[in-house]
Amino acid sequence: AFYFVWFWLLGLTYFALDDARARAAALPHEQRSWLGRALLRWEIQQPLAEQPRRPDVPRRRTVLVVLRNQLLGTWPSLPLVTWLLAGRGVTIHDPIPTSTTIVAQLLGIVLILEVAFYTVHRVLHGKALFRRIHRVHHEWRKPTGVATHYVHYVEHLCGNLLPVFLGPLLLGVHPIVFGLWAGIAVFNAIHTHGGYAIPGLVYAHDHDFHHY
């Protein structure tokens, strides 16, 4: 429930930001709200807007694909991860780790994620797998937050979920740490697909350019 609510709270927020940016772009500068002016200034692909590109994927189709991946991929996998952690003797009844342990475990999880995600993503960009699987994700040339899970079902399992779950499973972290990591991972994924260089948040230019 936490994952689902957190994902769509952030995803729908970026939909709303996209709508506000579009409204601002249609108005003369003096009639734009402060938010509209800020979004146009933070929009990453703004200098490239005149370049020809494919139209964005319709929102309805995006939402349906994401819901399919969540309902048939993410939710069934969470009890499996819980069962695997319990097999290592980790339960919600264990004492909550110290702040130092939590930070150290999160750093370890991030390191494992980076290696696993890069490896899978590199393989998916091979000619055969790109054409059959990863091409779906790249239908978004100028992605929005929800597009982080707009992927082929196989990619959702191997490219999204496996790298995120691998660190907590290998390190045997407390469920509280796992939940905290899930929240961080979802925010990072949605923002890096959000299309805005909002000051103080995760650097999103490289991945946005990757889609462009």
N, C-alpha and C. Protein backbone atom coordinates (compact mmCIF):
# COMPACT_ATOMS: atom_id res chain seq x y z
N ALA A 1 0.84 -1.20 0.00
CA ALA A 1 0.00 0.00 0.00
C ALA A 1 0.87 1.25 0.00
N PHE A 2 1.93 1.22 0.80
CA PHE A 2 2.84 2.37 0.84
C PHE A 2 3.45 2.62 -0.54
N TYR A 3 3.93 1.55 -1.15
CA TYR A 3 4.55 1.69 -2.47
C TYR A 3 3.55 2.27 -3.47
N PHE A 4 2.34 1.71 -3.50
CA PHE A 4 1.35 2.10 -4.49
C PHE A 4 0.95 3.56 -4.31
N VAL A 5 0.65 3.96 -3.07
CA VAL A 5 0.23 5.34 -2.80
C VAL A 5 1.36 6.31 -3.09
N TRP A 6 2.58 5.98 -2.66
CA TRP A 6 3.73 6.85 -2.87
C TRP A 6 4.03 7.03 -4.35
N PHE A 7 3.97 5.93 -5.12
CA PHE A 7 4.25 6.01 -6.55
C PHE A 7 3.26 6.93 -7.25
N TRP A 8 1.97 6.74 -7.00
CA TRP A 8 0.97 7.53 -7.73
C TRP A 8 0.85 8.94 -7.20
N LEU A 9 1.15 9.16 -5.94
CA LEU A 9 1.19 10.53 -5.42
C LEU A 9 2.25 11.34 -6.16
N LEU A 10 3.43 10.74 -6.33
CA LEU A 10 4.50 11.42 -7.06
C LEU A 10 4.19 11.48 -8.56
N GLY A 11 3.73 10.37 -9.13
CA GLY A 11 3.46 10.33 -10.56
C GLY A 11 2.40 11.32 -10.99
N LEU A 12 1.31 11.40 -10.24
CA LEU A 12 0.24 12.35 -10.58
C LEU A 12 0.69 13.79 -10.35
N THR A 13 1.60 13.99 -9.38
CA THR A 13 2.16 15.34 -9.19
C THR A 13 2.91 15.79 -10.43
N TYR A 14 3.68 14.89 -11.04
CA TYR A 14 4.41 15.26 -12.25
C TYR A 14 3.47 15.44 -13.43
N PHE A 15 2.38 14.70 -13.49
CA PHE A 15 1.36 14.97 -14.51
C PHE A 15 0.83 16.40 -14.33
N ALA A 16 0.57 16.78 -13.08
CA ALA A 16 0.05 18.13 -12.81
C ALA A 16 1.07 19.20 -13.18
N LEU A 17 2.35 18.93 -12.92
CA LEU A 17 3.39 19.87 -13.30
C LEU A 17 3.46 20.02 -14.82
N ASP A 18 3.32 18.90 -15.54
CA ASP A 18 3.32 18.96 -17.00
C ASP A 18 2.16 19.82 -17.51
N ASP A 19 0.99 19.67 -16.89
CA ASP A 19 -0.17 20.46 -17.31
C ASP A 19 0.06 21.94 -17.03
N ALA A 20 0.63 22.24 -15.86
CA ALA A 20 0.90 23.64 -15.52
C ALA A 20 1.93 24.24 -16.48
N ARG A 21 2.94 23.46 -16.85
CA ARG A 21 3.94 23.95 -17.80
C ARG A 21 3.32 24.21 -19.16
N ALA A 22 2.45 23.31 -19.62
CA ALA A 22 1.80 23.48 -20.92
C ALA A 22 0.91 24.73 -20.93
N ARG A 23 0.19 24.96 -19.83
CA ARG A 23 -0.65 26.16 -19.75
C ARG A 23 0.20 27.42 -19.77
N ALA A 24 1.31 27.38 -19.06
CA ALA A 24 2.18 28.55 -19.01
C ALA A 24 2.80 28.84 -20.37
N ALA A 25 3.16 27.78 -21.10
CA ALA A 25 3.79 27.97 -22.40
C ALA A 25 2.85 28.64 -23.39
N ALA A 26 1.54 28.48 -23.17
CA ALA A 26 0.56 29.05 -24.09
C ALA A 26 0.22 30.50 -23.76
N LEU A 27 0.76 31.02 -22.66
CA LEU A 27 0.44 32.38 -22.24
C LEU A 27 1.62 33.32 -22.49
N PRO A 28 1.35 34.61 -22.67
CA PRO A 28 2.45 35.59 -22.71
C PRO A 28 3.19 35.58 -21.38
N HIS A 29 4.45 35.94 -21.40
CA HIS A 29 5.30 35.85 -20.21
C HIS A 29 4.69 36.56 -19.01
N GLU A 30 4.12 37.73 -19.21
CA GLU A 30 3.61 38.52 -18.08
C GLU A 30 2.36 37.89 -17.46
N GLN A 31 1.71 36.98 -18.15
CA GLN A 31 0.51 36.35 -17.61
C GLN A 31 0.79 35.00 -16.95
N ARG A 32 2.03 34.56 -16.99
CA ARG A 32 2.37 33.27 -16.40
C ARG A 32 2.49 33.37 -14.89
N SER A 33 2.06 32.32 -14.21
CA SER A 33 2.24 32.26 -12.76
C SER A 33 3.71 32.00 -12.44
N TRP A 34 4.07 32.18 -11.17
CA TRP A 34 5.45 31.92 -10.77
C TRP A 34 5.81 30.46 -11.00
N LEU A 35 4.83 29.55 -10.78
CA LEU A 35 5.10 28.14 -11.00
C LEU A 35 5.31 27.86 -12.47
N GLY A 36 4.47 28.45 -13.32
CA GLY A 36 4.62 28.23 -14.76
C GLY A 36 5.95 28.72 -15.27
N ARG A 37 6.38 29.90 -14.80
CA ARG A 37 7.69 30.42 -15.22
C ARG A 37 8.82 29.53 -14.73
N ALA A 38 8.68 29.03 -13.49
CA ALA A 38 9.73 28.17 -12.94
C ALA A 38 9.82 26.86 -13.71
N LEU A 39 8.67 26.26 -14.04
CA LEU A 39 8.69 24.98 -14.76
C LEU A 39 9.27 25.13 -16.15
N LEU A 40 8.97 26.25 -16.81
CA LEU A 40 9.55 26.47 -18.14
C LEU A 40 11.07 26.68 -18.04
N ARG A 41 11.50 27.25 -16.93
CA ARG A 41 12.94 27.46 -16.73
C ARG A 41 13.64 26.15 -16.36
N TRP A 42 12.94 25.29 -15.62
CA TRP A 42 13.54 24.03 -15.17
C TRP A 42 13.40 22.91 -16.19
N GLU A 43 12.54 23.08 -17.18
CA GLU A 43 12.30 22.00 -18.15
C GLU A 43 13.59 21.64 -18.87
N ILE A 44 13.97 20.38 -18.81
CA ILE A 44 15.28 19.98 -19.31
C ILE A 44 15.36 20.05 -20.83
N GLN A 45 14.33 19.60 -21.54
CA GLN A 45 14.40 19.55 -22.99
C GLN A 45 13.90 20.82 -23.66
N GLN A 46 13.71 21.87 -22.89
CA GLN A 46 13.22 23.12 -23.46
C GLN A 46 14.06 23.62 -24.63
N PRO A 47 15.40 23.64 -24.55
CA PRO A 47 16.19 24.12 -25.70
C PRO A 47 16.06 23.23 -26.93
N LEU A 48 15.57 22.01 -26.74
CA LEU A 48 15.46 21.07 -27.85
C LEU A 48 14.02 20.97 -28.37
N ALA A 49 13.15 21.84 -27.85
CA ALA A 49 11.72 21.69 -28.14
C ALA A 49 11.40 21.82 -29.62
N GLU A 50 12.20 22.55 -30.36
CA GLU A 50 11.91 22.74 -31.77
C GLU A 50 12.40 21.57 -32.63
N GLN A 51 13.13 20.66 -32.03
CA GLN A 51 13.63 19.52 -32.78
C GLN A 51 12.47 18.56 -33.06
N PRO A 52 12.40 17.97 -34.25
CA PRO A 52 11.33 17.02 -34.53
C PRO A 52 11.47 15.77 -33.68
N ARG A 53 10.37 15.28 -33.15
CA ARG A 53 10.39 14.07 -32.34
C ARG A 53 9.02 13.42 -32.40
N ARG A 54 8.96 12.15 -32.02
CA ARG A 54 7.69 11.45 -31.97
C ARG A 54 6.79 12.06 -30.90
N PRO A 55 5.48 11.99 -31.07
CA PRO A 55 4.59 12.48 -30.01
C PRO A 55 4.70 11.62 -28.76
N ASP A 56 4.38 12.20 -27.62
CA ASP A 56 4.41 11.45 -26.37
C ASP A 56 3.37 10.34 -26.39
N VAL A 57 3.62 9.31 -25.60
CA VAL A 57 2.66 8.21 -25.45
C VAL A 57 1.42 8.76 -24.73
N PRO A 58 0.22 8.42 -25.19
CA PRO A 58 -1.00 8.90 -24.51
C PRO A 58 -1.00 8.52 -23.03
N ARG A 59 -1.51 9.41 -22.20
CA ARG A 59 -1.51 9.15 -20.76
C ARG A 59 -2.31 7.90 -20.41
N ARG A 60 -3.45 7.72 -21.04
CA ARG A 60 -4.30 6.57 -20.70
C ARG A 60 -3.54 5.27 -20.95
N ARG A 61 -2.86 5.19 -22.08
CA ARG A 61 -2.09 3.99 -22.38
C ARG A 61 -0.96 3.82 -21.38
N THR A 62 -0.31 4.91 -21.03
CA THR A 62 0.79 4.84 -20.06
C THR A 62 0.30 4.32 -18.73
N VAL A 63 -0.80 4.86 -18.24
CA VAL A 63 -1.34 4.46 -16.94
C VAL A 63 -1.73 2.98 -16.95
N LEU A 64 -2.34 2.52 -18.03
CA LEU A 64 -2.76 1.12 -18.11
C LEU A 64 -1.57 0.17 -18.09
N VAL A 65 -0.51 0.52 -18.83
CA VAL A 65 0.69 -0.33 -18.85
C VAL A 65 1.35 -0.35 -17.47
N VAL A 66 1.43 0.81 -16.83
CA VAL A 66 2.04 0.89 -15.50
C VAL A 66 1.23 0.09 -14.48
N LEU A 67 -0.10 0.22 -14.52
CA LEU A 67 -0.93 -0.54 -13.59
C LEU A 67 -0.78 -2.04 -13.81
N ARG A 68 -0.69 -2.47 -15.07
CA ARG A 68 -0.47 -3.89 -15.35
C ARG A 68 0.83 -4.36 -14.71
N ASN A 69 1.89 -3.59 -14.88
CA ASN A 69 3.18 -3.98 -14.32
C ASN A 69 3.14 -4.00 -12.79
N GLN A 70 2.43 -3.06 -12.21
CA GLN A 70 2.36 -3.02 -10.75
C GLN A 70 1.53 -4.17 -10.19
N LEU A 71 0.35 -4.39 -10.78
CA LEU A 71 -0.56 -5.40 -10.25
C LEU A 71 -0.06 -6.82 -10.52
N LEU A 72 0.59 -7.04 -11.67
CA LEU A 72 1.04 -8.38 -12.03
C LEU A 72 2.53 -8.60 -11.76
N GLY A 73 3.25 -7.52 -11.45
CA GLY A 73 4.68 -7.64 -11.22
C GLY A 73 5.11 -7.23 -9.82
N THR A 74 4.87 -5.97 -9.48
CA THR A 74 5.37 -5.45 -8.20
C THR A 74 4.67 -6.11 -7.02
N TRP A 75 3.35 -6.06 -7.00
CA TRP A 75 2.64 -6.58 -5.83
C TRP A 75 2.88 -8.06 -5.59
N PRO A 76 2.85 -8.93 -6.59
CA PRO A 76 3.15 -10.34 -6.32
C PRO A 76 4.59 -10.56 -5.84
N SER A 77 5.50 -9.67 -6.22
CA SER A 77 6.89 -9.86 -5.84
C SER A 77 7.16 -9.47 -4.38
N LEU A 78 6.35 -8.58 -3.82
CA LEU A 78 6.61 -8.12 -2.46
C LEU A 78 6.45 -9.23 -1.41
N PRO A 79 5.41 -10.06 -1.47
CA PRO A 79 5.36 -11.19 -0.53
C PRO A 79 6.54 -12.14 -0.71
N LEU A 80 7.01 -12.29 -1.96
CA LEU A 80 8.17 -13.16 -2.20
C LEU A 80 9.41 -12.59 -1.52
N VAL A 81 9.61 -11.29 -1.65
CA VAL A 81 10.76 -10.66 -1.01
C VAL A 81 10.65 -10.78 0.51
N THR A 82 9.46 -10.57 1.04
CA THR A 82 9.25 -10.71 2.49
C THR A 82 9.57 -12.12 2.95
N TRP A 83 9.13 -13.11 2.16
CA TRP A 83 9.39 -14.52 2.50
C TRP A 83 10.88 -14.82 2.46
N LEU A 84 11.58 -14.27 1.46
CA LEU A 84 13.01 -14.51 1.36
C LEU A 84 13.76 -13.85 2.52
N LEU A 85 13.33 -12.65 2.91
CA LEU A 85 13.95 -12.00 4.07
C LEU A 85 13.68 -12.80 5.35
N ALA A 86 12.45 -13.30 5.48
CA ALA A 86 12.13 -14.10 6.66
C ALA A 86 12.97 -15.37 6.70
N GLY A 87 13.30 -15.90 5.51
CA GLY A 87 14.17 -17.07 5.45
C GLY A 87 15.56 -16.79 5.97
N ARG A 88 15.96 -15.53 5.93
CA ARG A 88 17.25 -15.14 6.50
C ARG A 88 17.13 -14.74 7.97
N GLY A 89 15.93 -14.91 8.53
CA GLY A 89 15.72 -14.59 9.94
C GLY A 89 15.35 -13.14 10.19
N VAL A 90 14.98 -12.41 9.14
CA VAL A 90 14.63 -10.99 9.28
C VAL A 90 13.12 -10.87 9.36
N THR A 91 12.61 -10.25 10.42
CA THR A 91 11.17 -10.02 10.56
C THR A 91 10.94 -8.60 11.06
N ILE A 92 9.69 -8.17 11.00
CA ILE A 92 9.33 -6.82 11.45
C ILE A 92 9.50 -6.68 12.96
N HIS A 93 9.60 -7.81 13.66
CA HIS A 93 9.72 -7.79 15.13
C HIS A 93 11.16 -7.58 15.60
N ASP A 94 12.11 -7.61 14.67
CA ASP A 94 13.50 -7.36 15.06
C ASP A 94 13.68 -5.92 15.50
N PRO A 95 14.65 -5.65 16.37
CA PRO A 95 14.91 -4.26 16.77
C PRO A 95 15.29 -3.40 15.57
N ILE A 96 14.81 -2.17 15.57
CA ILE A 96 15.14 -1.25 14.48
C ILE A 96 16.63 -0.92 14.56
N PRO A 97 17.36 -1.00 13.45
CA PRO A 97 18.80 -0.73 13.47
C PRO A 97 19.11 0.71 13.88
N THR A 98 20.35 0.93 14.26
CA THR A 98 20.79 2.28 14.59
C THR A 98 20.86 3.12 13.32
N SER A 99 20.90 4.43 13.47
CA SER A 99 20.98 5.32 12.31
C SER A 99 22.24 5.07 11.50
N THR A 100 23.34 4.75 12.18
CA THR A 100 24.59 4.47 11.46
C THR A 100 24.45 3.22 10.60
N THR A 101 23.82 2.19 11.15
CA THR A 101 23.60 0.95 10.39
C THR A 101 22.68 1.19 9.21
N ILE A 102 21.63 1.98 9.41
CA ILE A 102 20.68 2.27 8.33
C ILE A 102 21.39 2.98 7.18
N VAL A 103 22.20 4.00 7.51
CA VAL A 103 22.92 4.73 6.47
C VAL A 103 23.89 3.81 5.73
N ALA A 104 24.62 3.00 6.48
CA ALA A 104 25.58 2.07 5.86
C ALA A 104 24.88 1.08 4.95
N GLN A 105 23.74 0.56 5.39
CA GLN A 105 23.00 -0.39 4.57
C GLN A 105 22.43 0.28 3.31
N LEU A 106 21.95 1.51 3.45
CA LEU A 106 21.43 2.22 2.28
C LEU A 106 22.53 2.48 1.26
N LEU A 107 23.72 2.82 1.74
CA LEU A 107 24.85 3.03 0.82
C LEU A 107 25.20 1.72 0.10
N GLY A 108 25.18 0.61 0.84
CA GLY A 108 25.45 -0.68 0.23
C GLY A 108 24.39 -1.05 -0.80
N ILE A 109 23.13 -0.76 -0.47
CA ILE A 109 22.03 -1.04 -1.40
C ILE A 109 22.19 -0.24 -2.68
N VAL A 110 22.56 1.04 -2.54
CA VAL A 110 22.73 1.90 -3.71
C VAL A 110 23.85 1.36 -4.60
N LEU A 111 24.95 0.92 -4.00
CA LEU A 111 26.06 0.38 -4.77
C LEU A 111 25.63 -0.86 -5.55
N ILE A 112 24.91 -1.75 -4.88
CA ILE A 112 24.42 -2.96 -5.55
C ILE A 112 23.44 -2.60 -6.66
N LEU A 113 22.57 -1.64 -6.38
CA LEU A 113 21.60 -1.20 -7.40
C LEU A 113 22.31 -0.68 -8.64
N GLU A 114 23.31 0.17 -8.45
CA GLU A 114 23.99 0.78 -9.60
C GLU A 114 24.62 -0.28 -10.50
N VAL A 115 25.28 -1.26 -9.88
CA VAL A 115 25.92 -2.32 -10.67
C VAL A 115 24.87 -3.17 -11.37
N ALA A 116 23.82 -3.55 -10.64
CA ALA A 116 22.79 -4.44 -11.21
C ALA A 116 22.00 -3.72 -12.29
N PHE A 117 21.60 -2.47 -12.02
CA PHE A 117 20.78 -1.74 -13.00
C PHE A 117 21.57 -1.47 -14.27
N TYR A 118 22.82 -1.04 -14.10
CA TYR A 118 23.64 -0.77 -15.28
C TYR A 118 23.81 -2.02 -16.13
N THR A 119 24.08 -3.14 -15.47
CA THR A 119 24.31 -4.39 -16.20
C THR A 119 23.07 -4.79 -16.99
N VAL A 120 21.91 -4.78 -16.33
CA VAL A 120 20.67 -5.18 -17.01
C VAL A 120 20.35 -4.19 -18.12
N HIS A 121 20.51 -2.91 -17.84
CA HIS A 121 20.16 -1.88 -18.84
C HIS A 121 21.07 -1.98 -20.06
N ARG A 122 22.33 -2.27 -19.81
CA ARG A 122 23.28 -2.43 -20.92
C ARG A 122 22.87 -3.61 -21.81
N VAL A 123 22.48 -4.71 -21.17
CA VAL A 123 22.04 -5.88 -21.93
C VAL A 123 20.78 -5.56 -22.72
N LEU A 124 19.85 -4.83 -22.12
CA LEU A 124 18.60 -4.49 -22.79
C LEU A 124 18.82 -3.59 -24.01
N HIS A 125 19.95 -2.88 -24.04
CA HIS A 125 20.24 -2.03 -25.19
C HIS A 125 20.95 -2.79 -26.30
N GLY A 126 21.16 -4.08 -26.12
CA GLY A 126 21.61 -4.89 -27.25
C GLY A 126 20.54 -4.92 -28.31
N LYS A 127 20.94 -5.11 -29.55
CA LYS A 127 20.00 -4.95 -30.67
C LYS A 127 18.77 -5.83 -30.54
N ALA A 128 18.96 -7.09 -30.22
CA ALA A 128 17.83 -8.03 -30.18
C ALA A 128 16.86 -7.70 -29.05
N LEU A 129 17.39 -7.50 -27.84
CA LEU A 129 16.52 -7.24 -26.70
C LEU A 129 15.92 -5.85 -26.75
N PHE A 130 16.64 -4.90 -27.35
CA PHE A 130 16.05 -3.57 -27.48
C PHE A 130 14.81 -3.63 -28.36
N ARG A 131 14.91 -4.30 -29.46
CA ARG A 131 13.80 -4.36 -30.41
C ARG A 131 12.61 -5.10 -29.81
N ARG A 132 12.86 -6.15 -29.04
CA ARG A 132 11.78 -6.98 -28.52
C ARG A 132 11.23 -6.47 -27.18
N ILE A 133 12.07 -5.82 -26.37
CA ILE A 133 11.67 -5.50 -24.99
C ILE A 133 11.85 -4.02 -24.65
N HIS A 134 13.08 -3.52 -24.72
CA HIS A 134 13.36 -2.20 -24.17
C HIS A 134 12.81 -1.06 -25.02
N ARG A 135 12.48 -1.37 -26.27
CA ARG A 135 11.92 -0.35 -27.16
C ARG A 135 10.65 0.28 -26.55
N VAL A 136 9.88 -0.51 -25.80
CA VAL A 136 8.64 -0.01 -25.20
C VAL A 136 8.93 1.21 -24.32
N HIS A 137 9.93 1.09 -23.46
CA HIS A 137 10.25 2.20 -22.55
C HIS A 137 10.69 3.45 -23.32
N HIS A 138 11.37 3.25 -24.43
CA HIS A 138 11.88 4.38 -25.19
C HIS A 138 10.85 4.96 -26.17
N GLU A 139 9.62 4.49 -26.09
CA GLU A 139 8.56 5.20 -26.81
C GLU A 139 8.38 6.60 -26.25
N TRP A 140 8.77 6.79 -25.01
CA TRP A 140 8.78 8.13 -24.41
C TRP A 140 10.10 8.81 -24.75
N ARG A 141 10.05 9.77 -25.66
CA ARG A 141 11.26 10.55 -25.96
C ARG A 141 11.47 11.66 -24.94
N LYS A 142 10.37 12.19 -24.41
CA LYS A 142 10.43 13.22 -23.37
C LYS A 142 9.60 12.70 -22.21
N PRO A 143 10.20 11.88 -21.36
CA PRO A 143 9.41 11.13 -20.38
C PRO A 143 8.81 12.01 -19.28
N THR A 144 7.80 11.46 -18.64
CA THR A 144 7.22 12.03 -17.42
C THR A 144 7.40 11.00 -16.32
N GLY A 145 7.15 11.40 -15.07
CA GLY A 145 7.48 10.54 -13.94
C GLY A 145 6.93 9.14 -14.01
N VAL A 146 5.65 9.00 -14.36
CA VAL A 146 5.01 7.69 -14.40
C VAL A 146 5.67 6.77 -15.42
N ALA A 147 6.32 7.35 -16.42
CA ALA A 147 6.95 6.55 -17.48
C ALA A 147 8.08 5.66 -16.97
N THR A 148 8.50 5.86 -15.74
CA THR A 148 9.55 4.99 -15.20
C THR A 148 9.13 3.53 -15.21
N HIS A 149 7.82 3.25 -15.07
CA HIS A 149 7.31 1.88 -15.11
C HIS A 149 6.54 1.59 -16.38
N TYR A 150 6.67 2.49 -17.37
CA TYR A 150 6.09 2.20 -18.69
C TYR A 150 7.13 1.37 -19.44
N VAL A 151 7.08 0.08 -19.22
CA VAL A 151 8.07 -0.84 -19.78
C VAL A 151 7.38 -2.16 -20.14
N HIS A 152 8.08 -2.96 -20.92
CA HIS A 152 7.66 -4.34 -21.17
C HIS A 152 7.63 -5.08 -19.83
N TYR A 153 6.69 -6.02 -19.68
CA TYR A 153 6.55 -6.74 -18.42
C TYR A 153 7.84 -7.44 -18.01
N VAL A 154 8.53 -8.04 -18.97
CA VAL A 154 9.80 -8.72 -18.66
C VAL A 154 10.82 -7.72 -18.13
N GLU A 155 10.88 -6.54 -18.74
CA GLU A 155 11.82 -5.52 -18.25
C GLU A 155 11.44 -5.06 -16.86
N HIS A 156 10.15 -4.96 -16.57
CA HIS A 156 9.75 -4.54 -15.23
C HIS A 156 10.28 -5.50 -14.17
N LEU A 157 10.20 -6.80 -14.48
CA LEU A 157 10.68 -7.80 -13.52
C LEU A 157 12.20 -7.78 -13.40
N CYS A 158 12.89 -7.77 -14.55
CA CYS A 158 14.35 -7.93 -14.55
C CYS A 158 15.10 -6.61 -14.44
N GLY A 159 14.54 -5.55 -15.01
CA GLY A 159 15.25 -4.27 -15.05
C GLY A 159 14.85 -3.29 -13.99
N ASN A 160 13.60 -3.38 -13.50
CA ASN A 160 13.15 -2.46 -12.45
C ASN A 160 13.19 -3.11 -11.07
N LEU A 161 12.52 -4.25 -10.94
CA LEU A 161 12.36 -4.85 -9.61
C LEU A 161 13.62 -5.54 -9.11
N LEU A 162 14.24 -6.36 -9.95
CA LEU A 162 15.40 -7.13 -9.50
C LEU A 162 16.52 -6.24 -8.95
N PRO A 163 16.95 -5.17 -9.65
CA PRO A 163 18.01 -4.34 -9.08
C PRO A 163 17.62 -3.66 -7.77
N VAL A 164 16.33 -3.31 -7.64
CA VAL A 164 15.87 -2.63 -6.41
C VAL A 164 15.81 -3.60 -5.24
N PHE A 165 15.40 -4.84 -5.50
CA PHE A 165 15.26 -5.81 -4.42
C PHE A 165 16.57 -6.51 -4.08
N LEU A 166 17.52 -6.52 -4.99
CA LEU A 166 18.73 -7.32 -4.81
C LEU A 166 19.53 -6.88 -3.58
N GLY A 167 19.71 -5.58 -3.40
CA GLY A 167 20.48 -5.08 -2.26
C GLY A 167 19.89 -5.46 -0.92
N PRO A 168 18.60 -5.18 -0.69
CA PRO A 168 18.00 -5.58 0.58
C PRO A 168 18.09 -7.08 0.84
N LEU A 169 17.95 -7.89 -0.22
CA LEU A 169 18.01 -9.34 -0.03
C LEU A 169 19.43 -9.80 0.31
N LEU A 170 20.42 -9.26 -0.40
CA LEU A 170 21.81 -9.68 -0.14
C LEU A 170 22.28 -9.22 1.23
N LEU A 171 21.84 -8.03 1.66
CA LEU A 171 22.30 -7.49 2.94
C LEU A 171 21.40 -7.90 4.10
N GLY A 172 20.24 -8.47 3.80
CA GLY A 172 19.34 -8.91 4.87
C GLY A 172 18.88 -7.77 5.76
N VAL A 173 18.37 -6.71 5.17
CA VAL A 173 18.04 -5.51 5.95
C VAL A 173 16.71 -5.66 6.66
N HIS A 174 16.54 -4.86 7.70
CA HIS A 174 15.29 -4.81 8.45
C HIS A 174 14.17 -4.29 7.53
N PRO A 175 12.93 -4.79 7.69
CA PRO A 175 11.82 -4.31 6.85
C PRO A 175 11.64 -2.79 6.86
N ILE A 176 11.96 -2.14 7.97
CA ILE A 176 11.87 -0.68 8.01
C ILE A 176 12.87 -0.06 7.03
N VAL A 177 14.07 -0.61 6.99
CA VAL A 177 15.09 -0.12 6.05
C VAL A 177 14.65 -0.41 4.61
N PHE A 178 14.05 -1.57 4.40
CA PHE A 178 13.56 -1.93 3.07
C PHE A 178 12.48 -0.95 2.62
N GLY A 179 11.56 -0.60 3.53
CA GLY A 179 10.52 0.36 3.19
C GLY A 179 11.09 1.73 2.90
N LEU A 180 12.07 2.15 3.70
CA LEU A 180 12.72 3.44 3.46
C LEU A 180 13.41 3.44 2.10
N TRP A 181 14.09 2.36 1.78
CA TRP A 181 14.76 2.25 0.48
C TRP A 181 13.76 2.27 -0.66
N ALA A 182 12.63 1.58 -0.50
CA ALA A 182 11.61 1.58 -1.55
C ALA A 182 11.12 3.00 -1.82
N GLY A 183 10.91 3.78 -0.76
CA GLY A 183 10.48 5.16 -0.94
C GLY A 183 11.50 6.00 -1.68
N ILE A 184 12.78 5.82 -1.33
CA ILE A 184 13.86 6.56 -1.99
C ILE A 184 13.97 6.14 -3.45
N ALA A 185 13.90 4.84 -3.71
CA ALA A 185 14.06 4.33 -5.07
C ALA A 185 12.94 4.82 -5.98
N VAL A 186 11.70 4.81 -5.48
CA VAL A 186 10.57 5.28 -6.27
C VAL A 186 10.71 6.77 -6.58
N PHE A 187 11.07 7.55 -5.58
CA PHE A 187 11.24 8.99 -5.82
C PHE A 187 12.34 9.25 -6.84
N ASN A 188 13.46 8.56 -6.70
CA ASN A 188 14.58 8.75 -7.62
C ASN A 188 14.18 8.39 -9.05
N ALA A 189 13.48 7.27 -9.22
CA ALA A 189 13.09 6.82 -10.56
C ALA A 189 12.10 7.79 -11.19
N ILE A 190 11.12 8.24 -10.41
CA ILE A 190 10.10 9.14 -10.97
C ILE A 190 10.71 10.49 -11.30
N HIS A 191 11.55 11.02 -10.42
CA HIS A 191 12.12 12.34 -10.70
C HIS A 191 13.07 12.31 -11.90
N THR A 192 13.88 11.27 -12.02
CA THR A 192 14.81 11.22 -13.15
C THR A 192 14.08 11.03 -14.48
N HIS A 193 12.82 10.60 -14.42
CA HIS A 193 12.00 10.54 -15.62
C HIS A 193 11.05 11.75 -15.73
N GLY A 194 11.14 12.66 -14.77
CA GLY A 194 10.17 13.75 -14.69
C GLY A 194 10.34 14.85 -15.70
N GLY A 195 11.58 15.06 -16.18
CA GLY A 195 11.81 16.07 -17.20
C GLY A 195 12.12 17.45 -16.68
N TYR A 196 12.39 17.58 -15.37
CA TYR A 196 12.67 18.90 -14.79
C TYR A 196 13.95 18.86 -13.96
N ALA A 197 14.73 19.92 -14.08
CA ALA A 197 15.93 20.07 -13.26
C ALA A 197 15.58 20.95 -12.07
N ILE A 198 14.78 20.42 -11.16
CA ILE A 198 14.31 21.18 -10.00
C ILE A 198 15.49 21.33 -9.03
N PRO A 199 15.81 22.56 -8.64
CA PRO A 199 16.97 22.78 -7.76
C PRO A 199 16.87 21.97 -6.47
N GLY A 200 17.99 21.35 -6.11
CA GLY A 200 18.06 20.60 -4.87
C GLY A 200 17.66 19.15 -4.98
N LEU A 201 17.08 18.74 -6.12
CA LEU A 201 16.66 17.35 -6.28
C LEU A 201 17.68 16.58 -7.13
N VAL A 202 17.40 15.30 -7.32
CA VAL A 202 18.32 14.40 -8.02
C VAL A 202 18.63 14.93 -9.42
N TYR A 203 19.88 14.81 -9.85
CA TYR A 203 20.31 15.24 -11.17
C TYR A 203 19.66 14.36 -12.23
N ALA A 204 18.85 14.98 -13.10
CA ALA A 204 18.05 14.21 -14.05
C ALA A 204 18.45 14.43 -15.50
N HIS A 205 19.44 15.27 -15.77
CA HIS A 205 19.77 15.63 -17.15
C HIS A 205 20.21 14.42 -17.99
N ASP A 206 21.08 13.59 -17.43
CA ASP A 206 21.67 12.51 -18.23
C ASP A 206 20.61 11.51 -18.69
N HIS A 207 19.74 11.10 -17.77
CA HIS A 207 18.74 10.11 -18.17
C HIS A 207 17.72 10.71 -19.12
N ASP A 208 17.40 11.98 -18.93
CA ASP A 208 16.47 12.63 -19.85
C ASP A 208 17.08 12.71 -21.25
N PHE A 209 18.35 13.03 -21.33
CA PHE A 209 19.02 13.09 -22.62
C PHE A 209 19.10 11.69 -23.25
N HIS A 210 19.25 10.68 -22.41
CA HIS A 210 19.26 9.28 -22.88
C HIS A 210 17.95 8.98 -23.62
N HIS A 211 16.84 9.45 -23.09
CA HIS A 211 15.55 9.23 -23.76
C HIS A 211 15.47 10.08 -25.03
N TYR A 212 15.97 11.30 -24.98
CA TYR A 212 15.91 12.17 -26.15
C TYR A 212 16.65 11.57 -27.33
